[in-house]
């Protein structure tokens, strides 16, 4: 569960495509 008050959908998408600026 990702409460809207804590994480937005755009933040979720960004974090799952590039966690460390290098490898996906």
PDBML (XML) file of the C-alpha atoms, coordinates in Angstrom:
<?xml version="1.0" encoding="UTF-8" ?>
<PDBx:datablock datablockName="MODEL"
   xmlns:PDBx="http://pdbml.pdb.org/schema/pdbx-v50.xsd"
   xmlns:xsi="http://www.w3.org/2001/XMLSchema-instance"
   xsi:schemaLocation="http://pdbml.pdb.org/schema/pdbx-v50.xsd pdbx-v50.xsd">
   <PDBx:atom_siteCategory>
      <PDBx:atom_site id="1">
         <PDBx:B_iso_or_equiv>0.00</PDBx:B_iso_or_equiv>
         <PDBx:Cartn_x>0.000</PDBx:Cartn_x>
         <PDBx:Cartn_y>0.000</PDBx:Cartn_y>
         <PDBx:Cartn_z>0.000</PDBx:Cartn_z>
         <PDBx:auth_asym_id>A</PDBx:auth_asym_id>
         <PDBx:auth_atom_id>CA</PDBx:auth_atom_id>
         <PDBx:auth_comp_id>UNK</PDBx:auth_comp_id>
         <PDBx:auth_seq_id>1</PDBx:auth_seq_id>
         <PDBx:group_PDB>ATOM</PDBx:group_PDB>
         <PDBx:label_alt_id xsi:nil="true" />
         <PDBx:label_asym_id>A</PDBx:label_asym_id>
         <PDBx:label_atom_id>CA</PDBx:label_atom_id>
         <PDBx:label_comp_id>UNK</PDBx:label_comp_id>
         <PDBx:label_entity_id>1</PDBx:label_entity_id>
         <PDBx:label_seq_id>1</PDBx:label_seq_id>
         <PDBx:occupancy>1.00</PDBx:occupancy>
         <PDBx:pdbx_PDB_model_num>1</PDBx:pdbx_PDB_model_num>
         <PDBx:type_symbol>C</PDBx:type_symbol>
      </PDBx:atom_site>
      <PDBx:atom_site id="2">
         <PDBx:B_iso_or_equiv>0.00</PDBx:B_iso_or_equiv>
         <PDBx:Cartn_x>1.310</PDBx:Cartn_x>
         <PDBx:Cartn_y>3.432</PDBx:Cartn_y>
         <PDBx:Cartn_z>-0.920</PDBx:Cartn_z>
         <PDBx:auth_asym_id>A</PDBx:auth_asym_id>
         <PDBx:auth_atom_id>CA</PDBx:auth_atom_id>
         <PDBx:auth_comp_id>UNK</PDBx:auth_comp_id>
         <PDBx:auth_seq_id>2</PDBx:auth_seq_id>
         <PDBx:group_PDB>ATOM</PDBx:group_PDB>
         <PDBx:label_alt_id xsi:nil="true" />
         <PDBx:label_asym_id>A</PDBx:label_asym_id>
         <PDBx:label_atom_id>CA</PDBx:label_atom_id>
         <PDBx:label_comp_id>UNK</PDBx:label_comp_id>
         <PDBx:label_entity_id>1</PDBx:label_entity_id>
         <PDBx:label_seq_id>2</PDBx:label_seq_id>
         <PDBx:occupancy>1.00</PDBx:occupancy>
         <PDBx:pdbx_PDB_model_num>1</PDBx:pdbx_PDB_model_num>
         <PDBx:type_symbol>C</PDBx:type_symbol>
      </PDBx:atom_site>
      <PDBx:atom_site id="3">
         <PDBx:B_iso_or_equiv>0.00</PDBx:B_iso_or_equiv>
         <PDBx:Cartn_x>-0.692</PDBx:Cartn_x>
         <PDBx:Cartn_y>6.102</PDBx:Cartn_y>
         <PDBx:Cartn_z>0.953</PDBx:Cartn_z>
         <PDBx:auth_asym_id>A</PDBx:auth_asym_id>
         <PDBx:auth_atom_id>CA</PDBx:auth_atom_id>
         <PDBx:auth_comp_id>UNK</PDBx:auth_comp_id>
         <PDBx:auth_seq_id>3</PDBx:auth_seq_id>
         <PDBx:group_PDB>ATOM</PDBx:group_PDB>
         <PDBx:label_alt_id xsi:nil="true" />
         <PDBx:label_asym_id>A</PDBx:label_asym_id>
         <PDBx:label_atom_id>CA</PDBx:label_atom_id>
         <PDBx:label_comp_id>UNK</PDBx:label_comp_id>
         <PDBx:label_entity_id>1</PDBx:label_entity_id>
         <PDBx:label_seq_id>3</PDBx:label_seq_id>
         <PDBx:occupancy>1.00</PDBx:occupancy>
         <PDBx:pdbx_PDB_model_num>1</PDBx:pdbx_PDB_model_num>
         <PDBx:type_symbol>C</PDBx:type_symbol>
      </PDBx:atom_site>
      <PDBx:atom_site id="4">
         <PDBx:B_iso_or_equiv>0.00</PDBx:B_iso_or_equiv>
         <PDBx:Cartn_x>-1.121</PDBx:Cartn_x>
         <PDBx:Cartn_y>9.248</PDBx:Cartn_y>
         <PDBx:Cartn_z>-1.123</PDBx:Cartn_z>
         <PDBx:auth_asym_id>A</PDBx:auth_asym_id>
         <PDBx:auth_atom_id>CA</PDBx:auth_atom_id>
         <PDBx:auth_comp_id>UNK</PDBx:auth_comp_id>
         <PDBx:auth_seq_id>4</PDBx:auth_seq_id>
         <PDBx:group_PDB>ATOM</PDBx:group_PDB>
         <PDBx:label_alt_id xsi:nil="true" />
         <PDBx:label_asym_id>A</PDBx:label_asym_id>
         <PDBx:label_atom_id>CA</PDBx:label_atom_id>
         <PDBx:label_comp_id>UNK</PDBx:label_comp_id>
         <PDBx:label_entity_id>1</PDBx:label_entity_id>
         <PDBx:label_seq_id>4</PDBx:label_seq_id>
         <PDBx:occupancy>1.00</PDBx:occupancy>
         <PDBx:pdbx_PDB_model_num>1</PDBx:pdbx_PDB_model_num>
         <PDBx:type_symbol>C</PDBx:type_symbol>
      </PDBx:atom_site>
      <PDBx:atom_site id="5">
         <PDBx:B_iso_or_equiv>0.00</PDBx:B_iso_or_equiv>
         <PDBx:Cartn_x>0.076</PDBx:Cartn_x>
         <PDBx:Cartn_y>11.352</PDBx:Cartn_y>
         <PDBx:Cartn_z>1.820</PDBx:Cartn_z>
         <PDBx:auth_asym_id>A</PDBx:auth_asym_id>
         <PDBx:auth_atom_id>CA</PDBx:auth_atom_id>
         <PDBx:auth_comp_id>UNK</PDBx:auth_comp_id>
         <PDBx:auth_seq_id>5</PDBx:auth_seq_id>
         <PDBx:group_PDB>ATOM</PDBx:group_PDB>
         <PDBx:label_alt_id xsi:nil="true" />
         <PDBx:label_asym_id>A</PDBx:label_asym_id>
         <PDBx:label_atom_id>CA</PDBx:label_atom_id>
         <PDBx:label_comp_id>UNK</PDBx:label_comp_id>
         <PDBx:label_entity_id>1</PDBx:label_entity_id>
         <PDBx:label_seq_id>5</PDBx:label_seq_id>
         <PDBx:occupancy>1.00</PDBx:occupancy>
         <PDBx:pdbx_PDB_model_num>1</PDBx:pdbx_PDB_model_num>
         <PDBx:type_symbol>C</PDBx:type_symbol>
      </PDBx:atom_site>
      <PDBx:atom_site id="6">
         <PDBx:B_iso_or_equiv>0.00</PDBx:B_iso_or_equiv>
         <PDBx:Cartn_x>3.418</PDBx:Cartn_x>
         <PDBx:Cartn_y>9.551</PDBx:Cartn_y>
         <PDBx:Cartn_z>1.786</PDBx:Cartn_z>
         <PDBx:auth_asym_id>A</PDBx:auth_asym_id>
         <PDBx:auth_atom_id>CA</PDBx:auth_atom_id>
         <PDBx:auth_comp_id>UNK</PDBx:auth_comp_id>
         <PDBx:auth_seq_id>6</PDBx:auth_seq_id>
         <PDBx:group_PDB>ATOM</PDBx:group_PDB>
         <PDBx:label_alt_id xsi:nil="true" />
         <PDBx:label_asym_id>A</PDBx:label_asym_id>
         <PDBx:label_atom_id>CA</PDBx:label_atom_id>
         <PDBx:label_comp_id>UNK</PDBx:label_comp_id>
         <PDBx:label_entity_id>1</PDBx:label_entity_id>
         <PDBx:label_seq_id>6</PDBx:label_seq_id>
         <PDBx:occupancy>1.00</PDBx:occupancy>
         <PDBx:pdbx_PDB_model_num>1</PDBx:pdbx_PDB_model_num>
         <PDBx:type_symbol>C</PDBx:type_symbol>
      </PDBx:atom_site>
      <PDBx:atom_site id="7">
         <PDBx:B_iso_or_equiv>0.00</PDBx:B_iso_or_equiv>
         <PDBx:Cartn_x>4.150</PDBx:Cartn_x>
         <PDBx:Cartn_y>8.619</PDBx:Cartn_y>
         <PDBx:Cartn_z>-1.811</PDBx:Cartn_z>
         <PDBx:auth_asym_id>A</PDBx:auth_asym_id>
         <PDBx:auth_atom_id>CA</PDBx:auth_atom_id>
         <PDBx:auth_comp_id>UNK</PDBx:auth_comp_id>
         <PDBx:auth_seq_id>7</PDBx:auth_seq_id>
         <PDBx:group_PDB>ATOM</PDBx:group_PDB>
         <PDBx:label_alt_id xsi:nil="true" />
         <PDBx:label_asym_id>A</PDBx:label_asym_id>
         <PDBx:label_atom_id>CA</PDBx:label_atom_id>
         <PDBx:label_comp_id>UNK</PDBx:label_comp_id>
         <PDBx:label_entity_id>1</PDBx:label_entity_id>
         <PDBx:label_seq_id>7</PDBx:label_seq_id>
         <PDBx:occupancy>1.00</PDBx:occupancy>
         <PDBx:pdbx_PDB_model_num>1</PDBx:pdbx_PDB_model_num>
         <PDBx:type_symbol>C</PDBx:type_symbol>
      </PDBx:atom_site>
      <PDBx:atom_site id="8">
         <PDBx:B_iso_or_equiv>0.00</PDBx:B_iso_or_equiv>
         <PDBx:Cartn_x>2.754</PDBx:Cartn_x>
         <PDBx:Cartn_y>9.862</PDBx:Cartn_y>
         <PDBx:Cartn_z>-5.086</PDBx:Cartn_z>
         <PDBx:auth_asym_id>A</PDBx:auth_asym_id>
         <PDBx:auth_atom_id>CA</PDBx:auth_atom_id>
         <PDBx:auth_comp_id>UNK</PDBx:auth_comp_id>
         <PDBx:auth_seq_id>8</PDBx:auth_seq_id>
         <PDBx:group_PDB>ATOM</PDBx:group_PDB>
         <PDBx:label_alt_id xsi:nil="true" />
         <PDBx:label_asym_id>A</PDBx:label_asym_id>
         <PDBx:label_atom_id>CA</PDBx:label_atom_id>
         <PDBx:label_comp_id>UNK</PDBx:label_comp_id>
         <PDBx:label_entity_id>1</PDBx:label_entity_id>
         <PDBx:label_seq_id>8</PDBx:label_seq_id>
         <PDBx:occupancy>1.00</PDBx:occupancy>
         <PDBx:pdbx_PDB_model_num>1</PDBx:pdbx_PDB_model_num>
         <PDBx:type_symbol>C</PDBx:type_symbol>
      </PDBx:atom_site>
      <PDBx:atom_site id="9">
         <PDBx:B_iso_or_equiv>0.00</PDBx:B_iso_or_equiv>
         <PDBx:Cartn_x>2.433</PDBx:Cartn_x>
         <PDBx:Cartn_y>7.590</PDBx:Cartn_y>
         <PDBx:Cartn_z>-8.161</PDBx:Cartn_z>
         <PDBx:auth_asym_id>A</PDBx:auth_asym_id>
         <PDBx:auth_atom_id>CA</PDBx:auth_atom_id>
         <PDBx:auth_comp_id>UNK</PDBx:auth_comp_id>
         <PDBx:auth_seq_id>9</PDBx:auth_seq_id>
         <PDBx:group_PDB>ATOM</PDBx:group_PDB>
         <PDBx:label_alt_id xsi:nil="true" />
         <PDBx:label_asym_id>A</PDBx:label_asym_id>
         <PDBx:label_atom_id>CA</PDBx:label_atom_id>
         <PDBx:label_comp_id>UNK</PDBx:label_comp_id>
         <PDBx:label_entity_id>1</PDBx:label_entity_id>
         <PDBx:label_seq_id>9</PDBx:label_seq_id>
         <PDBx:occupancy>1.00</PDBx:occupancy>
         <PDBx:pdbx_PDB_model_num>1</PDBx:pdbx_PDB_model_num>
         <PDBx:type_symbol>C</PDBx:type_symbol>
      </PDBx:atom_site>
      <PDBx:atom_site id="10">
         <PDBx:B_iso_or_equiv>0.00</PDBx:B_iso_or_equiv>
         <PDBx:Cartn_x>5.122</PDBx:Cartn_x>
         <PDBx:Cartn_y>9.578</PDBx:Cartn_y>
         <PDBx:Cartn_z>-9.971</PDBx:Cartn_z>
         <PDBx:auth_asym_id>A</PDBx:auth_asym_id>
         <PDBx:auth_atom_id>CA</PDBx:auth_atom_id>
         <PDBx:auth_comp_id>UNK</PDBx:auth_comp_id>
         <PDBx:auth_seq_id>10</PDBx:auth_seq_id>
         <PDBx:group_PDB>ATOM</PDBx:group_PDB>
         <PDBx:label_alt_id xsi:nil="true" />
         <PDBx:label_asym_id>A</PDBx:label_asym_id>
         <PDBx:label_atom_id>CA</PDBx:label_atom_id>
         <PDBx:label_comp_id>UNK</PDBx:label_comp_id>
         <PDBx:label_entity_id>1</PDBx:label_entity_id>
         <PDBx:label_seq_id>10</PDBx:label_seq_id>
         <PDBx:occupancy>1.00</PDBx:occupancy>
         <PDBx:pdbx_PDB_model_num>1</PDBx:pdbx_PDB_model_num>
         <PDBx:type_symbol>C</PDBx:type_symbol>
      </PDBx:atom_site>
      <PDBx:atom_site id="11">
         <PDBx:B_iso_or_equiv>0.00</PDBx:B_iso_or_equiv>
         <PDBx:Cartn_x>7.551</PDBx:Cartn_x>
         <PDBx:Cartn_y>9.054</PDBx:Cartn_y>
         <PDBx:Cartn_z>-7.083</PDBx:Cartn_z>
         <PDBx:auth_asym_id>A</PDBx:auth_asym_id>
         <PDBx:auth_atom_id>CA</PDBx:auth_atom_id>
         <PDBx:auth_comp_id>UNK</PDBx:auth_comp_id>
         <PDBx:auth_seq_id>11</PDBx:auth_seq_id>
         <PDBx:group_PDB>ATOM</PDBx:group_PDB>
         <PDBx:label_alt_id xsi:nil="true" />
         <PDBx:label_asym_id>A</PDBx:label_asym_id>
         <PDBx:label_atom_id>CA</PDBx:label_atom_id>
         <PDBx:label_comp_id>UNK</PDBx:label_comp_id>
         <PDBx:label_entity_id>1</PDBx:label_entity_id>
         <PDBx:label_seq_id>11</PDBx:label_seq_id>
         <PDBx:occupancy>1.00</PDBx:occupancy>
         <PDBx:pdbx_PDB_model_num>1</PDBx:pdbx_PDB_model_num>
         <PDBx:type_symbol>C</PDBx:type_symbol>
      </PDBx:atom_site>
      <PDBx:atom_site id="12">
         <PDBx:B_iso_or_equiv>0.00</PDBx:B_iso_or_equiv>
         <PDBx:Cartn_x>6.818</PDBx:Cartn_x>
         <PDBx:Cartn_y>5.315</PDBx:Cartn_y>
         <PDBx:Cartn_z>-7.134</PDBx:Cartn_z>
         <PDBx:auth_asym_id>A</PDBx:auth_asym_id>
         <PDBx:auth_atom_id>CA</PDBx:auth_atom_id>
         <PDBx:auth_comp_id>UNK</PDBx:auth_comp_id>
         <PDBx:auth_seq_id>12</PDBx:auth_seq_id>
         <PDBx:group_PDB>ATOM</PDBx:group_PDB>
         <PDBx:label_alt_id xsi:nil="true" />
         <PDBx:label_asym_id>A</PDBx:label_asym_id>
         <PDBx:label_atom_id>CA</PDBx:label_atom_id>
         <PDBx:label_comp_id>UNK</PDBx:label_comp_id>
         <PDBx:label_entity_id>1</PDBx:label_entity_id>
         <PDBx:label_seq_id>12</PDBx:label_seq_id>
         <PDBx:occupancy>1.00</PDBx:occupancy>
         <PDBx:pdbx_PDB_model_num>1</PDBx:pdbx_PDB_model_num>
         <PDBx:type_symbol>C</PDBx:type_symbol>
      </PDBx:atom_site>
      <PDBx:atom_site id="13">
         <PDBx:B_iso_or_equiv>0.00</PDBx:B_iso_or_equiv>
         <PDBx:Cartn_x>7.485</PDBx:Cartn_x>
         <PDBx:Cartn_y>5.096</PDBx:Cartn_y>
         <PDBx:Cartn_z>-10.858</PDBx:Cartn_z>
         <PDBx:auth_asym_id>A</PDBx:auth_asym_id>
         <PDBx:auth_atom_id>CA</PDBx:auth_atom_id>
         <PDBx:auth_comp_id>UNK</PDBx:auth_comp_id>
         <PDBx:auth_seq_id>13</PDBx:auth_seq_id>
         <PDBx:group_PDB>ATOM</PDBx:group_PDB>
         <PDBx:label_alt_id xsi:nil="true" />
         <PDBx:label_asym_id>A</PDBx:label_asym_id>
         <PDBx:label_atom_id>CA</PDBx:label_atom_id>
         <PDBx:label_comp_id>UNK</PDBx:label_comp_id>
         <PDBx:label_entity_id>1</PDBx:label_entity_id>
         <PDBx:label_seq_id>13</PDBx:label_seq_id>
         <PDBx:occupancy>1.00</PDBx:occupancy>
         <PDBx:pdbx_PDB_model_num>1</PDBx:pdbx_PDB_model_num>
         <PDBx:type_symbol>C</PDBx:type_symbol>
      </PDBx:atom_site>
      <PDBx:atom_site id="14">
         <PDBx:B_iso_or_equiv>0.00</PDBx:B_iso_or_equiv>
         <PDBx:Cartn_x>10.738</PDBx:Cartn_x>
         <PDBx:Cartn_y>7.026</PDBx:Cartn_y>
         <PDBx:Cartn_z>-10.618</PDBx:Cartn_z>
         <PDBx:auth_asym_id>A</PDBx:auth_asym_id>
         <PDBx:auth_atom_id>CA</PDBx:auth_atom_id>
         <PDBx:auth_comp_id>UNK</PDBx:auth_comp_id>
         <PDBx:auth_seq_id>14</PDBx:auth_seq_id>
         <PDBx:group_PDB>ATOM</PDBx:group_PDB>
         <PDBx:label_alt_id xsi:nil="true" />
         <PDBx:label_asym_id>A</PDBx:label_asym_id>
         <PDBx:label_atom_id>CA</PDBx:label_atom_id>
         <PDBx:label_comp_id>UNK</PDBx:label_comp_id>
         <PDBx:label_entity_id>1</PDBx:label_entity_id>
         <PDBx:label_seq_id>14</PDBx:label_seq_id>
         <PDBx:occupancy>1.00</PDBx:occupancy>
         <PDBx:pdbx_PDB_model_num>1</PDBx:pdbx_PDB_model_num>
         <PDBx:type_symbol>C</PDBx:type_symbol>
      </PDBx:atom_site>
      <PDBx:atom_site id="15">
         <PDBx:B_iso_or_equiv>0.00</PDBx:B_iso_or_equiv>
         <PDBx:Cartn_x>12.069</PDBx:Cartn_x>
         <PDBx:Cartn_y>4.890</PDBx:Cartn_y>
         <PDBx:Cartn_z>-7.777</PDBx:Cartn_z>
         <PDBx:auth_asym_id>A</PDBx:auth_asym_id>
         <PDBx:auth_atom_id>CA</PDBx:auth_atom_id>
         <PDBx:auth_comp_id>UNK</PDBx:auth_comp_id>
         <PDBx:auth_seq_id>15</PDBx:auth_seq_id>
         <PDBx:group_PDB>ATOM</PDBx:group_PDB>
         <PDBx:label_alt_id xsi:nil="true" />
         <PDBx:label_asym_id>A</PDBx:label_asym_id>
         <PDBx:label_atom_id>CA</PDBx:label_atom_id>
         <PDBx:label_comp_id>UNK</PDBx:label_comp_id>
         <PDBx:label_entity_id>1</PDBx:label_entity_id>
         <PDBx:label_seq_id>15</PDBx:label_seq_id>
         <PDBx:occupancy>1.00</PDBx:occupancy>
         <PDBx:pdbx_PDB_model_num>1</PDBx:pdbx_PDB_model_num>
         <PDBx:type_symbol>C</PDBx:type_symbol>
      </PDBx:atom_site>
      <PDBx:atom_site id="16">
         <PDBx:B_iso_or_equiv>0.00</PDBx:B_iso_or_equiv>
         <PDBx:Cartn_x>11.406</PDBx:Cartn_x>
         <PDBx:Cartn_y>1.623</PDBx:Cartn_y>
         <PDBx:Cartn_z>-9.604</PDBx:Cartn_z>
         <PDBx:auth_asym_id>A</PDBx:auth_asym_id>
         <PDBx:auth_atom_id>CA</PDBx:auth_atom_id>
         <PDBx:auth_comp_id>UNK</PDBx:auth_comp_id>
         <PDBx:auth_seq_id>16</PDBx:auth_seq_id>
         <PDBx:group_PDB>ATOM</PDBx:group_PDB>
         <PDBx:label_alt_id xsi:nil="true" />
         <PDBx:label_asym_id>A</PDBx:label_asym_id>
         <PDBx:label_atom_id>CA</PDBx:label_atom_id>
         <PDBx:label_comp_id>UNK</PDBx:label_comp_id>
         <PDBx:label_entity_id>1</PDBx:label_entity_id>
         <PDBx:label_seq_id>16</PDBx:label_seq_id>
         <PDBx:occupancy>1.00</PDBx:occupancy>
         <PDBx:pdbx_PDB_model_num>1</PDBx:pdbx_PDB_model_num>
         <PDBx:type_symbol>C</PDBx:type_symbol>
      </PDBx:atom_site>
      <PDBx:atom_site id="17">
         <PDBx:B_iso_or_equiv>0.00</PDBx:B_iso_or_equiv>
         <PDBx:Cartn_x>13.170</PDBx:Cartn_x>
         <PDBx:Cartn_y>2.656</PDBx:Cartn_y>
         <PDBx:Cartn_z>-12.813</PDBx:Cartn_z>
         <PDBx:auth_asym_id>A</PDBx:auth_asym_id>
         <PDBx:auth_atom_id>CA</PDBx:auth_atom_id>
         <PDBx:auth_comp_id>UNK</PDBx:auth_comp_id>
         <PDBx:auth_seq_id>17</PDBx:auth_seq_id>
         <PDBx:group_PDB>ATOM</PDBx:group_PDB>
         <PDBx:label_alt_id xsi:nil="true" />
         <PDBx:label_asym_id>A</PDBx:label_asym_id>
         <PDBx:label_atom_id>CA</PDBx:label_atom_id>
         <PDBx:label_comp_id>UNK</PDBx:label_comp_id>
         <PDBx:label_entity_id>1</PDBx:label_entity_id>
         <PDBx:label_seq_id>17</PDBx:label_seq_id>
         <PDBx:occupancy>1.00</PDBx:occupancy>
         <PDBx:pdbx_PDB_model_num>1</PDBx:pdbx_PDB_model_num>
         <PDBx:type_symbol>C</PDBx:type_symbol>
      </PDBx:atom_site>
      <PDBx:atom_site id="18">
         <PDBx:B_iso_or_equiv>0.00</PDBx:B_iso_or_equiv>
         <PDBx:Cartn_x>16.401</PDBx:Cartn_x>
         <PDBx:Cartn_y>4.034</PDBx:Cartn_y>
         <PDBx:Cartn_z>-11.400</PDBx:Cartn_z>
         <PDBx:auth_asym_id>A</PDBx:auth_asym_id>
         <PDBx:auth_atom_id>CA</PDBx:auth_atom_id>
         <PDBx:auth_comp_id>UNK</PDBx:auth_comp_id>
         <PDBx:auth_seq_id>18</PDBx:auth_seq_id>
         <PDBx:group_PDB>ATOM</PDBx:group_PDB>
         <PDBx:label_alt_id xsi:nil="true" />
         <PDBx:label_asym_id>A</PDBx:label_asym_id>
         <PDBx:label_atom_id>CA</PDBx:label_atom_id>
         <PDBx:label_comp_id>UNK</PDBx:label_comp_id>
         <PDBx:label_entity_id>1</PDBx:label_entity_id>
         <PDBx:label_seq_id>18</PDBx:label_seq_id>
         <PDBx:occupancy>1.00</PDBx:occupancy>
         <PDBx:pdbx_PDB_model_num>1</PDBx:pdbx_PDB_model_num>
         <PDBx:type_symbol>C</PDBx:type_symbol>
      </PDBx:atom_site>
      <PDBx:atom_site id="19">
         <PDBx:B_iso_or_equiv>0.00</PDBx:B_iso_or_equiv>
         <PDBx:Cartn_x>17.444</PDBx:Cartn_x>
         <PDBx:Cartn_y>3.513</PDBx:Cartn_y>
         <PDBx:Cartn_z>-7.799</PDBx:Cartn_z>
         <PDBx:auth_asym_id>A</PDBx:auth_asym_id>
         <PDBx:auth_atom_id>CA</PDBx:auth_atom_id>
         <PDBx:auth_comp_id>UNK</PDBx:auth_comp_id>
         <PDBx:auth_seq_id>19</PDBx:auth_seq_id>
         <PDBx:group_PDB>ATOM</PDBx:group_PDB>
         <PDBx:label_alt_id xsi:nil="true" />
         <PDBx:label_asym_id>A</PDBx:label_asym_id>
         <PDBx:label_atom_id>CA</PDBx:label_atom_id>
         <PDBx:label_comp_id>UNK</PDBx:label_comp_id>
         <PDBx:label_entity_id>1</PDBx:label_entity_id>
         <PDBx:label_seq_id>19</PDBx:label_seq_id>
         <PDBx:occupancy>1.00</PDBx:occupancy>
         <PDBx:pdbx_PDB_model_num>1</PDBx:pdbx_PDB_model_num>
         <PDBx:type_symbol>C</PDBx:type_symbol>
      </PDBx:atom_site>
      <PDBx:atom_site id="20">
         <PDBx:B_iso_or_equiv>0.00</PDBx:B_iso_or_equiv>
         <PDBx:Cartn_x>21.094</PDBx:Cartn_x>
         <PDBx:Cartn_y>4.468</PDBx:Cartn_y>
         <PDBx:Cartn_z>-7.934</PDBx:Cartn_z>
         <PDBx:auth_asym_id>A</PDBx:auth_asym_id>
         <PDBx:auth_atom_id>CA</PDBx:auth_atom_id>
         <PDBx:auth_comp_id>UNK</PDBx:auth_comp_id>
         <PDBx:auth_seq_id>20</PDBx:auth_seq_id>
         <PDBx:group_PDB>ATOM</PDBx:group_PDB>
         <PDBx:label_alt_id xsi:nil="true" />
         <PDBx:label_asym_id>A</PDBx:label_asym_id>
         <PDBx:label_atom_id>CA</PDBx:label_atom_id>
         <PDBx:label_comp_id>UNK</PDBx:label_comp_id>
         <PDBx:label_entity_id>1</PDBx:label_entity_id>
         <PDBx:label_seq_id>20</PDBx:label_seq_id>
         <PDBx:occupancy>1.00</PDBx:occupancy>
         <PDBx:pdbx_PDB_model_num>1</PDBx:pdbx_PDB_model_num>
         <PDBx:type_symbol>C</PDBx:type_symbol>
      </PDBx:atom_site>
      <PDBx:atom_site id="21">
         <PDBx:B_iso_or_equiv>0.00</PDBx:B_iso_or_equiv>
         <PDBx:Cartn_x>21.660</PDBx:Cartn_x>
         <PDBx:Cartn_y>6.650</PDBx:Cartn_y>
         <PDBx:Cartn_z>-10.962</PDBx:Cartn_z>
         <PDBx:auth_asym_id>A</PDBx:auth_asym_id>
         <PDBx:auth_atom_id>CA</PDBx:auth_atom_id>
         <PDBx:auth_comp_id>UNK</PDBx:auth_comp_id>
         <PDBx:auth_seq_id>21</PDBx:auth_seq_id>
         <PDBx:group_PDB>ATOM</PDBx:group_PDB>
         <PDBx:label_alt_id xsi:nil="true" />
         <PDBx:label_asym_id>A</PDBx:label_asym_id>
         <PDBx:label_atom_id>CA</PDBx:label_atom_id>
         <PDBx:label_comp_id>UNK</PDBx:label_comp_id>
         <PDBx:label_entity_id>1</PDBx:label_entity_id>
         <PDBx:label_seq_id>21</PDBx:label_seq_id>
         <PDBx:occupancy>1.00</PDBx:occupancy>
         <PDBx:pdbx_PDB_model_num>1</PDBx:pdbx_PDB_model_num>
         <PDBx:type_symbol>C</PDBx:type_symbol>
      </PDBx:atom_site>
      <PDBx:atom_site id="22">
         <PDBx:B_iso_or_equiv>0.00</PDBx:B_iso_or_equiv>
         <PDBx:Cartn_x>23.229</PDBx:Cartn_x>
         <PDBx:Cartn_y>3.694</PDBx:Cartn_y>
         <PDBx:Cartn_z>-12.816</PDBx:Cartn_z>
         <PDBx:auth_asym_id>A</PDBx:auth_asym_id>
         <PDBx:auth_atom_id>CA</PDBx:auth_atom_id>
         <PDBx:auth_comp_id>UNK</PDBx:auth_comp_id>
         <PDBx:auth_seq_id>22</PDBx:auth_seq_id>
         <PDBx:group_PDB>ATOM</PDBx:group_PDB>
         <PDBx:label_alt_id xsi:nil="true" />
         <PDBx:label_asym_id>A</PDBx:label_asym_id>
         <PDBx:label_atom_id>CA</PDBx:label_atom_id>
         <PDBx:label_comp_id>UNK</PDBx:label_comp_id>
         <PDBx:label_entity_id>1</PDBx:label_entity_id>
         <PDBx:label_seq_id>22</PDBx:label_seq_id>
         <PDBx:occupancy>1.00</PDBx:occupancy>
         <PDBx:pdbx_PDB_model_num>1</PDBx:pdbx_PDB_model_num>
         <PDBx:type_symbol>C</PDBx:type_symbol>
      </PDBx:atom_site>
      <PDBx:atom_site id="23">
         <PDBx:B_iso_or_equiv>0.00</PDBx:B_iso_or_equiv>
         <PDBx:Cartn_x>21.765</PDBx:Cartn_x>
         <PDBx:Cartn_y>0.212</PDBx:Cartn_y>
         <PDBx:Cartn_z>-13.031</PDBx:Cartn_z>
         <PDBx:auth_asym_id>A</PDBx:auth_asym_id>
         <PDBx:auth_atom_id>CA</PDBx:auth_atom_id>
         <PDBx:auth_comp_id>UNK</PDBx:auth_comp_id>
         <PDBx:auth_seq_id>23</PDBx:auth_seq_id>
         <PDBx:group_PDB>ATOM</PDBx:group_PDB>
         <PDBx:label_alt_id xsi:nil="true" />
         <PDBx:label_asym_id>A</PDBx:label_asym_id>
         <PDBx:label_atom_id>CA</PDBx:label_atom_id>
         <PDBx:label_comp_id>UNK</PDBx:label_comp_id>
         <PDBx:label_entity_id>1</PDBx:label_entity_id>
         <PDBx:label_seq_id>23</PDBx:label_seq_id>
         <PDBx:occupancy>1.00</PDBx:occupancy>
         <PDBx:pdbx_PDB_model_num>1</PDBx:pdbx_PDB_model_num>
         <PDBx:type_symbol>C</PDBx:type_symbol>
      </PDBx:atom_site>
      <PDBx:atom_site id="24">
         <PDBx:B_iso_or_equiv>0.00</PDBx:B_iso_or_equiv>
         <PDBx:Cartn_x>17.977</PDBx:Cartn_x>
         <PDBx:Cartn_y>-0.074</PDBx:Cartn_y>
         <PDBx:Cartn_z>-13.332</PDBx:Cartn_z>
         <PDBx:auth_asym_id>A</PDBx:auth_asym_id>
         <PDBx:auth_atom_id>CA</PDBx:auth_atom_id>
         <PDBx:auth_comp_id>UNK</PDBx:auth_comp_id>
         <PDBx:auth_seq_id>24</PDBx:auth_seq_id>
         <PDBx:group_PDB>ATOM</PDBx:group_PDB>
         <PDBx:label_alt_id xsi:nil="true" />
         <PDBx:label_asym_id>A</PDBx:label_asym_id>
         <PDBx:label_atom_id>CA</PDBx:label_atom_id>
         <PDBx:label_comp_id>UNK</PDBx:label_comp_id>
         <PDBx:label_entity_id>1</PDBx:label_entity_id>
         <PDBx:label_seq_id>24</PDBx:label_seq_id>
         <PDBx:occupancy>1.00</PDBx:occupancy>
         <PDBx:pdbx_PDB_model_num>1</PDBx:pdbx_PDB_model_num>
         <PDBx:type_symbol>C</PDBx:type_symbol>
      </PDBx:atom_site>
   </PDBx:atom_siteCategory>
</PDBx:datablock>
